[in-house]
C-alpha atoms as a PDB file:
ATOM      1  CA  UNK A   1       0.131   7.464  52.989  1.00  0.00           C
ATOM      2  CA  UNK A   2      -0.845  11.077  53.557  1.00  0.00           C
ATOM      3  CA  UNK A   3      -3.464  10.853  50.811  1.00  0.00           C
ATOM      4  CA  UNK A   4      -5.199   7.936  52.558  1.00  0.00           C
ATOM      5  CA  UNK A   5      -4.403   9.111  56.100  1.00  0.00           C
ATOM      6  CA  UNK A   6      -2.778   5.824  57.108  1.00  0.00           C
ATOM      7  CA  UNK A   7      -0.202   5.649  59.878  1.00  0.00           C
ATOM      8  CA  UNK A   8       1.437   2.354  58.775  1.00  0.00           C
ATOM      9  CA  UNK A   9       1.734   0.174  55.698  1.00  0.00           C
ATOM     10  CA  UNK A  10       1.509  -3.609  55.667  1.00  0.00           C
ATOM     11  CA  UNK A  11       3.284  -4.874  52.554  1.00  0.00           C
ATOM     12  CA  UNK A  12       2.634  -8.502  51.714  1.00  0.00           C
ATOM     13  CA  UNK A  13       3.844 -11.543  49.861  1.00  0.00           C
ATOM     14  CA  UNK A  14       1.370 -14.321  50.618  1.00  0.00           C
ATOM     15  CA  UNK A  15       1.490 -17.846  49.198  1.00  0.00           C
ATOM     16  CA  UNK A  16       4.277 -16.766  46.820  1.00  0.00           C
ATOM     17  CA  UNK A  17       2.263 -13.921  45.280  1.00  0.00           C
ATOM     18  CA  UNK A  18       3.052 -10.217  45.549  1.00  0.00           C
ATOM     19  CA  UNK A  19       6.317  -8.401  44.801  1.00  0.00           C
ATOM     20  CA  UNK A  20       6.028  -5.278  46.943  1.00  0.00           C
ATOM     21  CA  UNK A  21       8.147  -6.625  49.853  1.00  0.00           C
ATOM     22  CA  UNK A  22      11.005  -7.132  47.426  1.00  0.00           C
ATOM     23  CA  UNK A  23      10.716  -3.544  46.248  1.00  0.00           C
ATOM     24  CA  UNK A  24      11.044  -2.091  49.745  1.00  0.00           C
ATOM     25  CA  UNK A  25      13.452  -4.605  51.326  1.00  0.00           C
ATOM     26  CA  UNK A  26      15.151  -6.564  48.527  1.00  0.00           C
ATOM     27  CA  UNK A  27      13.758  -9.915  49.773  1.00  0.00           C
ATOM     28  CA  UNK A  28      11.739 -11.742  47.082  1.00  0.00           C
ATOM     29  CA  UNK A  29       9.280 -13.234  49.568  1.00  0.00           C
ATOM     30  CA  UNK A  30       9.538 -16.919  48.738  1.00  0.00           C
ATOM     31  CA  UNK A  31       6.489 -18.054  50.762  1.00  0.00           C
ATOM     32  CA  UNK A  32       5.244 -15.364  53.116  1.00  0.00           C
ATOM     33  CA  UNK A  33       6.628 -11.942  53.913  1.00  0.00           C
ATOM     34  CA  UNK A  34       4.799  -9.306  55.965  1.00  0.00           C
ATOM     35  CA  UNK A  35       6.557  -5.939  56.064  1.00  0.00           C
ATOM     36  CA  UNK A  36       5.491  -3.247  58.520  1.00  0.00           C
ATOM     37  CA  UNK A  37       6.566   0.169  57.257  1.00  0.00           C
ATOM     38  CA  UNK A  38       6.315   3.639  58.703  1.00  0.00           C
ATOM     39  CA  UNK A  39       8.521   6.481  57.418  1.00  0.00           C
ATOM     40  CA  UNK A  40      11.247   7.350  59.889  1.00  0.00           C
ATOM     41  CA  UNK A  41      11.123   3.963  61.660  1.00  0.00           C
ATOM     42  CA  UNK A  42      12.970   0.734  60.966  1.00  0.00           C
ATOM     43  CA  UNK A  43      10.933  -1.761  58.972  1.00  0.00           C
ATOM     44  CA  UNK A  44       9.981  -5.105  60.479  1.00  0.00           C
ATOM     45  CA  UNK A  45       9.434  -8.154  58.281  1.00  0.00           C
ATOM     46  CA  UNK A  46       8.110 -11.566  59.346  1.00  0.00           C
ATOM     47  CA  UNK A  47       8.977 -14.379  56.935  1.00  0.00           C
ATOM     48  CA  UNK A  48       8.473 -18.095  56.365  1.00  0.00           C
ATOM     49  CA  UNK A  49       9.919 -20.731  56.339  1.00  0.00           C
ATOM     50  CA  UNK A  50      12.566 -21.151  59.034  1.00  0.00           C
ATOM     51  CA  UNK A  51      15.082 -22.460  56.492  1.00  0.00           C
ATOM     52  CA  UNK A  52      14.461 -19.298  54.406  1.00  0.00           C
ATOM     53  CA  UNK A  53      14.972 -17.032  57.403  1.00  0.00           C
ATOM     54  CA  UNK A  54      18.812 -16.854  57.321  1.00  0.00           C
ATOM     55  CA  UNK A  55      18.927 -15.830  53.665  1.00  0.00           C
ATOM     56  CA  UNK A  56      16.157 -13.268  54.189  1.00  0.00           C
ATOM     57  CA  UNK A  57      18.267 -11.663  56.931  1.00  0.00           C
ATOM     58  CA  UNK A  58      21.250 -11.500  54.566  1.00  0.00           C
ATOM     59  CA  UNK A  59      19.362 -10.015  51.625  1.00  0.00           C
ATOM     60  CA  UNK A  60      16.838  -7.633  53.218  1.00  0.00           C
ATOM     61  CA  UNK A  61      18.186  -4.116  53.741  1.00  0.00           C
ATOM     62  CA  UNK A  62      17.327  -1.654  56.516  1.00  0.00           C
ATOM     63  CA  UNK A  63      14.920  -4.148  57.996  1.00  0.00           C
ATOM     64  CA  UNK A  64      14.509  -6.172  61.194  1.00  0.00           C
ATOM     65  CA  UNK A  65      13.806  -9.670  59.814  1.00  0.00           C
ATOM     66  CA  UNK A  66      12.022 -12.150  62.078  1.00  0.00           C
ATOM     67  CA  UNK A  67      10.853 -15.724  61.667  1.00  0.00           C
ATOM     68  CA  UNK A  68       7.044 -15.910  61.569  1.00  0.00           C
ATOM     69  CA  UNK A  69       6.900 -19.195  63.522  1.00  0.00           C
ATOM     70  CA  UNK A  70       3.888 -20.149  61.351  1.00  0.00           C
ATOM     71  CA  UNK A  71       1.949 -17.266  62.913  1.00  0.00           C
ATOM     72  CA  UNK A  72       2.907 -14.529  60.502  1.00  0.00           C
ATOM     73  CA  UNK A  73      -0.275 -12.483  60.503  1.00  0.00           C
ATOM     74  CA  UNK A  74      -0.663 -12.766  64.292  1.00  0.00           C
ATOM     75  CA  UNK A  75       2.913 -11.604  64.874  1.00  0.00           C
ATOM     76  CA  UNK A  76       2.429  -8.771  62.405  1.00  0.00           C
ATOM     77  CA  UNK A  77      -0.729  -7.657  64.202  1.00  0.00           C
ATOM     78  CA  UNK A  78       1.184  -7.728  67.498  1.00  0.00           C
ATOM     79  CA  UNK A  79       3.904  -5.514  65.999  1.00  0.00           C
ATOM     80  CA  UNK A  80       1.374  -3.049  64.601  1.00  0.00           C
ATOM     81  CA  UNK A  81      -0.440  -2.868  67.943  1.00  0.00           C
ATOM     82  CA  UNK A  82       2.876  -2.359  69.758  1.00  0.00           C
ATOM     83  CA  UNK A  83       3.516   0.615  67.481  1.00  0.00           C
ATOM     84  CA  UNK A  84       0.070   2.051  68.162  1.00  0.00           C
ATOM     85  CA  UNK A  85      -1.202   1.638  64.606  1.00  0.00           C
ATOM     86  CA  UNK A  86      -4.833   2.589  63.977  1.00  0.00           C
ATOM     87  CA  UNK A  87      -5.282   2.908  60.235  1.00  0.00           C
ATOM     88  CA  UNK A  88      -3.209   0.540  58.079  1.00  0.00           C
ATOM     89  CA  UNK A  89      -2.653   0.674  54.337  1.00  0.00           C
ATOM     90  CA  UNK A  90      -2.474  -2.791  52.759  1.00  0.00           C
ATOM     91  CA  UNK A  91      -0.348  -3.512  49.686  1.00  0.00           C
ATOM     92  CA  UNK A  92      -0.245  -7.000  48.241  1.00  0.00           C
ATOM     93  CA  UNK A  93      -2.434 -10.124  48.304  1.00  0.00           C
ATOM     94  CA  UNK A  94      -3.674 -11.291  51.670  1.00  0.00           C
ATOM     95  CA  UNK A  95      -5.903 -14.360  51.868  1.00  0.00           C
ATOM     96  CA  UNK A  96      -9.372 -13.740  53.282  1.00  0.00           C
ATOM     97  CA  UNK A  97      -8.817 -15.484  56.626  1.00  0.00           C
ATOM     98  CA  UNK A  98      -5.746 -13.341  57.344  1.00  0.00           C
ATOM     99  CA  UNK A  99      -7.436 -10.162  56.113  1.00  0.00           C
ATOM    100  CA  UNK A 100     -10.230 -10.771  58.627  1.00  0.00           C
ATOM    101  CA  UNK A 101      -7.664 -11.055  61.423  1.00  0.00           C
ATOM    102  CA  UNK A 102      -6.125  -7.740  60.383  1.00  0.00           C
ATOM    103  CA  UNK A 103      -9.523  -6.078  60.087  1.00  0.00           C
ATOM    104  CA  UNK A 104     -10.440  -7.051  63.636  1.00  0.00           C
ATOM    105  CA  UNK A 105      -7.757  -4.721  64.998  1.00  0.00           C
ATOM    106  CA  UNK A 106      -7.313  -1.877  62.496  1.00  0.00           C
ATOM    107  CA  UNK A 107      -9.023   0.184  59.851  1.00  0.00           C
ATOM    108  CA  UNK A 108      -7.655  -1.263  56.619  1.00  0.00           C
ATOM    109  CA  UNK A 109      -7.200   0.759  53.432  1.00  0.00           C
ATOM    110  CA  UNK A 110      -6.433  -1.075  50.187  1.00  0.00           C
ATOM    111  CA  UNK A 111      -3.529   0.638  48.423  1.00  0.00           C
ATOM    112  CA  UNK A 112      -2.577  -1.746  45.599  1.00  0.00           C
ATOM    113  CA  UNK A 113      -3.565   0.785  42.917  1.00  0.00           C
ATOM    114  CA  UNK A 114      -1.346   3.431  44.517  1.00  0.00           C
ATOM    115  CA  UNK A 115       1.546   0.978  44.581  1.00  0.00           C
ATOM    116  CA  UNK A 116       1.102   0.097  40.908  1.00  0.00           C
ATOM    117  CA  UNK A 117       1.025   3.776  39.922  1.00  0.00           C
ATOM    118  CA  UNK A 118       4.172   4.412  41.924  1.00  0.00           C
ATOM    119  CA  UNK A 119       5.991   1.521  40.245  1.00  0.00           C
ATOM    120  CA  UNK A 120       5.159   2.805  36.755  1.00  0.00           C
ATOM    121  CA  UNK A 121       7.850   5.472  37.096  1.00  0.00           C
ATOM    122  CA  UNK A 122      11.213   3.717  37.180  1.00  0.00           C
ATOM    123  CA  UNK A 123      14.432   4.982  38.678  1.00  0.00           C
ATOM    124  CA  UNK A 124      17.625   4.988  36.626  1.00  0.00           C
ATOM    125  CA  UNK A 125      18.814   1.924  38.525  1.00  0.00           C
ATOM    126  CA  UNK A 126      15.534   0.107  37.879  1.00  0.00           C
ATOM    127  CA  UNK A 127      15.789   0.810  34.159  1.00  0.00           C
ATOM    128  CA  UNK A 128      19.250  -0.755  34.120  1.00  0.00           C
ATOM    129  CA  UNK A 129      17.910  -3.844  35.878  1.00  0.00           C
ATOM    130  CA  UNK A 130      15.084  -4.018  33.331  1.00  0.00           C
ATOM    131  CA  UNK A 131      17.696  -3.935  30.569  1.00  0.00           C
ATOM    132  CA  UNK A 132      19.408  -6.873  32.262  1.00  0.00           C
ATOM    133  CA  UNK A 133      16.106  -8.752  32.400  1.00  0.00           C
ATOM    134  CA  UNK A 134      15.527  -7.978  28.731  1.00  0.00           C
ATOM    135  CA  UNK A 135      19.027  -9.174  27.818  1.00  0.00           C
ATOM    136  CA  UNK A 136      18.458 -12.457  29.640  1.00  0.00           C
ATOM    137  CA  UNK A 137      15.083 -12.900  27.949  1.00  0.00           C
ATOM    138  CA  UNK A 138      16.677 -12.287  24.560  1.00  0.00           C
ATOM    139  CA  UNK A 139      19.328 -14.881  25.399  1.00  0.00           C
ATOM    140  CA  UNK A 140      16.587 -17.429  26.000  1.00  0.00           C
ATOM    141  CA  UNK A 141      15.063 -16.718  22.602  1.00  0.00           C
ATOM    142  CA  UNK A 142      18.439 -16.835  20.849  1.00  0.00           C
ATOM    143  CA  UNK A 143      19.102 -20.248  22.390  1.00  0.00           C
ATOM    144  CA  UNK A 144      15.725 -21.508  21.185  1.00  0.00           C
ATOM    145  CA  UNK A 145      16.298 -20.163  17.686  1.00  0.00           C
ATOM    146  CA  UNK A 146      19.814 -21.565  17.315  1.00  0.00           C
ATOM    147  CA  UNK A 147      19.378 -24.977  18.953  1.00  0.00           C
ATOM    148  CA  UNK A 148      15.845 -26.062  18.047  1.00  0.00           C
ATOM    149  CA  UNK A 149      15.654 -29.203  15.950  1.00  0.00           C
ATOM    150  CA  UNK A 150      12.788 -31.031  14.308  1.00  0.00           C
ATOM    151  CA  UNK A 151      11.750 -33.878  16.605  1.00  0.00           C
ATOM    152  CA  UNK A 152      12.308 -32.021  19.880  1.00  0.00           C
ATOM    153  CA  UNK A 153       9.439 -31.946  22.374  1.00  0.00           C
ATOM    154  CA  UNK A 154       7.950 -28.747  23.757  1.00  0.00           C
ATOM    155  CA  UNK A 155       9.561 -29.624  27.085  1.00  0.00           C
ATOM    156  CA  UNK A 156      12.981 -29.764  25.472  1.00  0.00           C
ATOM    157  CA  UNK A 157      12.341 -26.345  23.935  1.00  0.00           C
ATOM    158  CA  UNK A 158      11.628 -24.916  27.380  1.00  0.00           C
ATOM    159  CA  UNK A 159      14.884 -26.425  28.606  1.00  0.00           C
ATOM    160  CA  UNK A 160      16.783 -24.664  25.800  1.00  0.00           C
ATOM    161  CA  UNK A 161      15.317 -21.368  26.925  1.00  0.00           C
ATOM    162  CA  UNK A 162      16.171 -21.745  30.613  1.00  0.00           C
ATOM    163  CA  UNK A 163      19.727 -22.976  30.030  1.00  0.00           C
ATOM    164  CA  UNK A 164      20.537 -19.657  28.362  1.00  0.00           C
ATOM    165  CA  UNK A 165      19.988 -17.449  31.408  1.00  0.00           C
ATOM    166  CA  UNK A 166      19.899 -19.520  34.600  1.00  0.00           C
ATOM    167  CA  UNK A 167      23.697 -19.700  34.602  1.00  0.00           C
ATOM    168  CA  UNK A 168      23.821 -15.904  34.398  1.00  0.00           C
ATOM    169  CA  UNK A 169      21.656 -15.356  37.476  1.00  0.00           C
ATOM    170  CA  UNK A 170      18.309 -15.152  35.697  1.00  0.00           C
ATOM    171  CA  UNK A 171      15.159 -16.921  36.804  1.00  0.00           C
ATOM    172  CA  UNK A 172      12.022 -17.843  34.915  1.00  0.00           C
ATOM    173  CA  UNK A 173       8.941 -15.720  35.187  1.00  0.00           C
ATOM    174  CA  UNK A 174       7.216 -17.483  32.285  1.00  0.00           C
ATOM    175  CA  UNK A 175       8.252 -19.464  29.240  1.00  0.00           C
ATOM    176  CA  UNK A 176       5.186 -20.193  27.133  1.00  0.00           C
ATOM    177  CA  UNK A 177       5.988 -21.755  23.768  1.00  0.00           C
ATOM    178  CA  UNK A 178       3.285 -22.557  21.240  1.00  0.00           C
ATOM    179  CA  UNK A 179       3.936 -25.183  18.550  1.00  0.00           C
ATOM    180  CA  UNK A 180       1.294 -25.988  15.951  1.00  0.00           C
ATOM    181  CA  UNK A 181       0.913 -26.907  12.312  1.00  0.00           C
ATOM    182  CA  UNK A 182       0.477 -23.994   9.911  1.00  0.00           C
ATOM    183  CA  UNK A 183      -1.679 -26.219   7.687  1.00  0.00           C
ATOM    184  CA  UNK A 184      -3.952 -27.225  10.563  1.00  0.00           C
ATOM    185  CA  UNK A 185      -3.426 -24.763  13.429  1.00  0.00           C
ATOM    186  CA  UNK A 186      -4.744 -25.846  16.816  1.00  0.00           C
ATOM    187  CA  UNK A 187      -3.388 -23.040  18.994  1.00  0.00           C
ATOM    188  CA  UNK A 188      -4.041 -19.308  19.093  1.00  0.00           C
ATOM    189  CA  UNK A 189      -1.892 -18.537  22.163  1.00  0.00           C
ATOM    190  CA  UNK A 190       1.210 -20.211  23.614  1.00  0.00           C
ATOM    191  CA  UNK A 191       0.118 -22.787  26.236  1.00  0.00           C
ATOM    192  CA  UNK A 192       1.090 -22.239  29.838  1.00  0.00           C
ATOM    193  CA  UNK A 193       2.418 -25.781  30.234  1.00  0.00           C
ATOM    194  CA  UNK A 194       4.665 -27.666  27.823  1.00  0.00           C
ATOM    195  CA  UNK A 195       3.557 -30.990  26.355  1.00  0.00           C
ATOM    196  CA  UNK A 196       5.357 -33.950  24.837  1.00  0.00           C
ATOM    197  CA  UNK A 197       4.345 -32.893  21.302  1.00  0.00           C
ATOM    198  CA  UNK A 198       7.296 -32.985  18.924  1.00  0.00           C
ATOM    199  CA  UNK A 199       8.275 -30.236  16.511  1.00  0.00           C
ATOM    200  CA  UNK A 200       7.579 -31.055  12.870  1.00  0.00           C
ATOM    201  CA  UNK A 201       8.427 -29.482   9.540  1.00  0.00           C
ATOM    202  CA  UNK A 202       5.688 -27.022   8.599  1.00  0.00           C
ATOM    203  CA  UNK A 203       5.052 -25.987  12.202  1.00  0.00           C
ATOM    204  CA  UNK A 204       4.966 -22.442  13.473  1.00  0.00           C
ATOM    205  CA  UNK A 205       6.488 -21.636  16.849  1.00  0.00           C
ATOM    206  CA  UNK A 206       5.390 -18.583  18.785  1.00  0.00           C
ATOM    207  CA  UNK A 207       6.706 -17.512  22.150  1.00  0.00           C
ATOM    208  CA  UNK A 208       5.802 -15.518  25.217  1.00  0.00           C
ATOM    209  CA  UNK A 209       8.493 -15.651  27.817  1.00  0.00           C
ATOM    210  CA  UNK A 210      10.207 -13.482  30.371  1.00  0.00           C
ATOM    211  CA  UNK A 211      13.408 -13.995  32.307  1.00  0.00           C
ATOM    212  CA  UNK A 212      13.629 -12.265  35.667  1.00  0.00           C
ATOM    213  CA  UNK A 213      16.617 -10.399  37.000  1.00  0.00           C
ATOM    214  CA  UNK A 214      15.323 -10.285  40.551  1.00  0.00           C
ATOM    215  CA  UNK A 215      12.002  -8.502  39.977  1.00  0.00           C
ATOM    216  CA  UNK A 216      12.817  -7.026  36.563  1.00  0.00           C
ATOM    217  CA  UNK A 217      11.987  -8.798  33.335  1.00  0.00           C
ATOM    218  CA  UNK A 218      12.016  -8.484  29.613  1.00  0.00           C
ATOM    219  CA  UNK A 219       9.413 -10.149  27.446  1.00  0.00           C
ATOM    220  CA  UNK A 220       9.911 -11.901  24.130  1.00  0.00           C
ATOM    221  CA  UNK A 221       6.967 -12.282  21.760  1.00  0.00           C
ATOM    222  CA  UNK A 222       8.185 -13.866  18.518  1.00  0.00           C
ATOM    223  CA  UNK A 223       6.945 -16.228  15.827  1.00  0.00           C
ATOM    224  CA  UNK A 224       8.864 -18.234  13.249  1.00  0.00           C
ATOM    225  CA  UNK A 225       8.294 -21.200  10.995  1.00  0.00           C
ATOM    226  CA  UNK A 226      10.039 -24.586  10.931  1.00  0.00           C
ATOM    227  CA  UNK A 227      11.542 -25.955   7.694  1.00  0.00           C
ATOM    228  CA  UNK A 228       8.888 -24.226   5.586  1.00  0.00           C
ATOM    229  CA  UNK A 229       7.860 -20.789   4.357  1.00  0.00           C
ATOM    230  CA  UNK A 230       4.916 -19.085   6.084  1.00  0.00           C
ATOM    231  CA  UNK A 231       1.531 -19.962   4.638  1.00  0.00           C
ATOM    232  CA  UNK A 232      -0.635 -17.119   3.246  1.00  0.00           C
ATOM    233  CA  UNK A 233      -2.618 -16.993   6.504  1.00  0.00           C
ATOM    234  CA  UNK A 234       0.485 -16.559   8.618  1.00  0.00           C
ATOM    235  CA  UNK A 235       1.920 -13.985   6.215  1.00  0.00           C
ATOM    236  CA  UNK A 236      -1.285 -11.984   6.609  1.00  0.00           C
ATOM    237  CA  UNK A 237      -1.266 -12.314  10.389  1.00  0.00           C
ATOM    238  CA  UNK A 238       2.350 -11.218  10.590  1.00  0.00           C
ATOM    239  CA  UNK A 239       1.791  -8.259   8.247  1.00  0.00           C
ATOM    240  CA  UNK A 240      -1.164  -7.113  10.365  1.00  0.00           C
ATOM    241  CA  UNK A 241       0.829  -7.359  13.582  1.00  0.00           C
ATOM    242  CA  UNK A 242       3.804  -5.546  12.074  1.00  0.00           C
ATOM    243  CA  UNK A 243       1.611  -2.737  10.725  1.00  0.00           C
ATOM    244  CA  UNK A 244      -0.022  -2.337  14.137  1.00  0.00           C
ATOM    245  CA  UNK A 245       3.341  -2.265  15.900  1.00  0.00           C
ATOM    246  CA  UNK A 246       4.681   0.330  13.451  1.00  0.00           C
ATOM    247  CA  UNK A 247       1.614   2.521  13.927  1.00  0.00           C
ATOM    248  CA  UNK A 248       1.801   2.332  17.711  1.00  0.00           C
ATOM    249  CA  UNK A 249       5.534   3.038  17.979  1.00  0.00           C
ATOM    250  CA  UNK A 250       5.154   5.851  15.475  1.00  0.00           C
ATOM    251  CA  UNK A 251       3.003   7.919  17.833  1.00  0.00           C
ATOM    252  CA  UNK A 252       4.410   6.980  21.246  1.00  0.00           C
ATOM    253  CA  UNK A 253       6.151   9.795  23.077  1.00  0.00           C
ATOM    254  CA  UNK A 254       6.928  10.657  26.719  1.00  0.00           C
ATOM    255  CA  UNK A 255       3.894  11.991  28.541  1.00  0.00           C
ATOM    256  CA  UNK A 256       1.449  10.748  25.936  1.00  0.00           C
ATOM    257  CA  UNK A 257      -1.536   8.444  26.266  1.00  0.00           C
ATOM    258  CA  UNK A 258      -2.169   5.493  24.008  1.00  0.00           C
ATOM    259  CA  UNK A 259      -5.211   3.285  24.194  1.00  0.00           C
ATOM    260  CA  UNK A 260      -5.338   0.043  22.250  1.00  0.00           C
ATOM    261  CA  UNK A 261      -8.261  -2.345  21.969  1.00  0.00           C
ATOM    262  CA  UNK A 262      -7.871  -5.862  20.603  1.00  0.00           C
ATOM    263  CA  UNK A 263     -11.395  -7.074  21.255  1.00  0.00           C
ATOM    264  CA  UNK A 264     -14.310  -4.723  20.631  1.00  0.00           C
ATOM    265  CA  UNK A 265     -17.747  -4.822  18.972  1.00  0.00           C
ATOM    266  CA  UNK A 266     -16.355  -4.799  15.432  1.00  0.00           C
ATOM    267  CA  UNK A 267     -14.092  -7.720  16.310  1.00  0.00           C
ATOM    268  CA  UNK A 268     -17.137  -9.760  17.268  1.00  0.00           C
ATOM    269  CA  UNK A 269     -18.766  -8.899  13.939  1.00  0.00           C
ATOM    270  CA  UNK A 270     -15.667 -10.084  12.102  1.00  0.00           C
ATOM    271  CA  UNK A 271     -15.622 -13.290  14.124  1.00  0.00           C
ATOM    272  CA  UNK A 272     -19.286 -13.931  13.371  1.00  0.00           C
ATOM    273  CA  UNK A 273     -18.595 -13.490   9.661  1.00  0.00           C
ATOM    274  CA  UNK A 274     -15.593 -15.820   9.884  1.00  0.00           C
ATOM    275  CA  UNK A 275     -17.639 -18.487  11.643  1.00  0.00           C
ATOM    276  CA  UNK A 276     -20.385 -18.131   9.058  1.00  0.00           C
ATOM    277  CA  UNK A 277     -17.875 -18.615   6.237  1.00  0.00           C
ATOM    278  CA  UNK A 278     -16.869 -21.895   7.864  1.00  0.00           C
ATOM    279  CA  UNK A 279     -20.494 -22.961   8.250  1.00  0.00           C
ATOM    280  CA  UNK A 280     -20.220 -22.939  12.049  1.00  0.00           C
ATOM    281  CA  UNK A 281     -22.602 -21.179  14.485  1.00  0.00           C
ATOM    282  CA  UNK A 282     -21.258 -18.247  16.464  1.00  0.00           C
ATOM    283  CA  UNK A 283     -23.996 -18.060  19.103  1.00  0.00           C
ATOM    284  CA  UNK A 284     -21.843 -19.688  21.786  1.00  0.00           C
ATOM    285  CA  UNK A 285     -19.357 -16.820  21.569  1.00  0.00           C
ATOM    286  CA  UNK A 286     -21.877 -14.190  22.603  1.00  0.00           C
ATOM    287  CA  UNK A 287     -23.550 -16.440  25.150  1.00  0.00           C
ATOM    288  CA  UNK A 288     -20.230 -17.232  26.791  1.00  0.00           C
ATOM    289  CA  UNK A 289     -19.284 -13.565  26.932  1.00  0.00           C
ATOM    290  CA  UNK A 290     -22.617 -12.635  28.524  1.00  0.00           C
ATOM    291  CA  UNK A 291     -22.291 -15.372  31.123  1.00  0.00           C
ATOM    292  CA  UNK A 292     -18.753 -14.277  31.944  1.00  0.00           C
ATOM    293  CA  UNK A 293     -19.930 -10.705  32.490  1.00  0.00           C
ATOM    294  CA  UNK A 294     -22.879 -11.881  34.645  1.00  0.00           C
ATOM    295  CA  UNK A 295     -25.336  -9.240  33.544  1.00  0.00           C
ATOM    296  CA  UNK A 296     -22.881  -6.334  33.596  1.00  0.00           C
ATOM    297  CA  UNK A 297     -23.045  -5.785  29.859  1.00  0.00           C
ATOM    298  CA  UNK A 298     -20.609  -7.000  27.251  1.00  0.00           C
ATOM    299  CA  UNK A 299     -18.524  -3.829  26.938  1.00  0.00           C
ATOM    300  CA  UNK A 300     -17.321  -0.969  29.081  1.00  0.00           C
ATOM    301  CA  UNK A 301     -17.191   2.154  26.922  1.00  0.00           C
ATOM    302  CA  UNK A 302     -15.227   5.217  27.908  1.00  0.00           C
ATOM    303  CA  UNK A 303     -14.808   8.418  25.925  1.00  0.00           C
ATOM    304  CA  UNK A 304     -11.757  10.655  26.009  1.00  0.00           C
ATOM    305  CA  UNK A 305     -11.496  14.177  24.641  1.00  0.00           C
ATOM    306  CA  UNK A 306      -8.243  15.780  23.607  1.00  0.00           C
END
């Protein structure tokens, strides 16, 4: 706050996005939560909906919790004006219409990057909660591994995962589970929504899921085959991933800097060669990338000296 010369912070969960209110109050911000914070003064938080209000009052610590009455940003502006705020730091997502309301009354400074940097350094208590999130995530994977059967749908696989940790107080952040044939693969990443496709012998399953313990998660990225040995392609992919992981963990140390690129110019050259070997044109790849960048160039290059 001193760095940006702001006299108050507005910390936001809006439309179920943004976790900063939970970090400062303990309340997860189910729909909307607007926290007014100034060091040395009691925080004020306006929340929706009315039926969420009683639980927010129970959970939030060191905070005056108020119902927003469907006028959350207006009530927050009133509180900031009552306090004499002039220059407000904003942390969290605020939809454009509400941002304009805030901007009409105060100088607004965006401080999301500062918040992210602050959260990178965990307290001892936070690390323990992360371990709990990791344990719950591992439990979800163990349940999938032990109980999966040929013939199950992707939706049933997701159910196996959730049943392992929901009863222990965990919640789902994501559970993406990819299922595809090794002989004729149709997926390169786990899909974000499960389908009714059934598991078959010769499939490969690969996961990306995280169980939350409040705002602290683990993440499980694993692949394994169903009723068949890995094909040569999947053996090669796994060996490459394992070698990369070993190399990265071999040099990591506290205070160090590691930079890792998975998609650079040489990757595009390899993809072009792979497309050519299949007799398929690769022009659409470059054209799509250029369109996505909208004239800003395909790559951002930065150089670092030791």
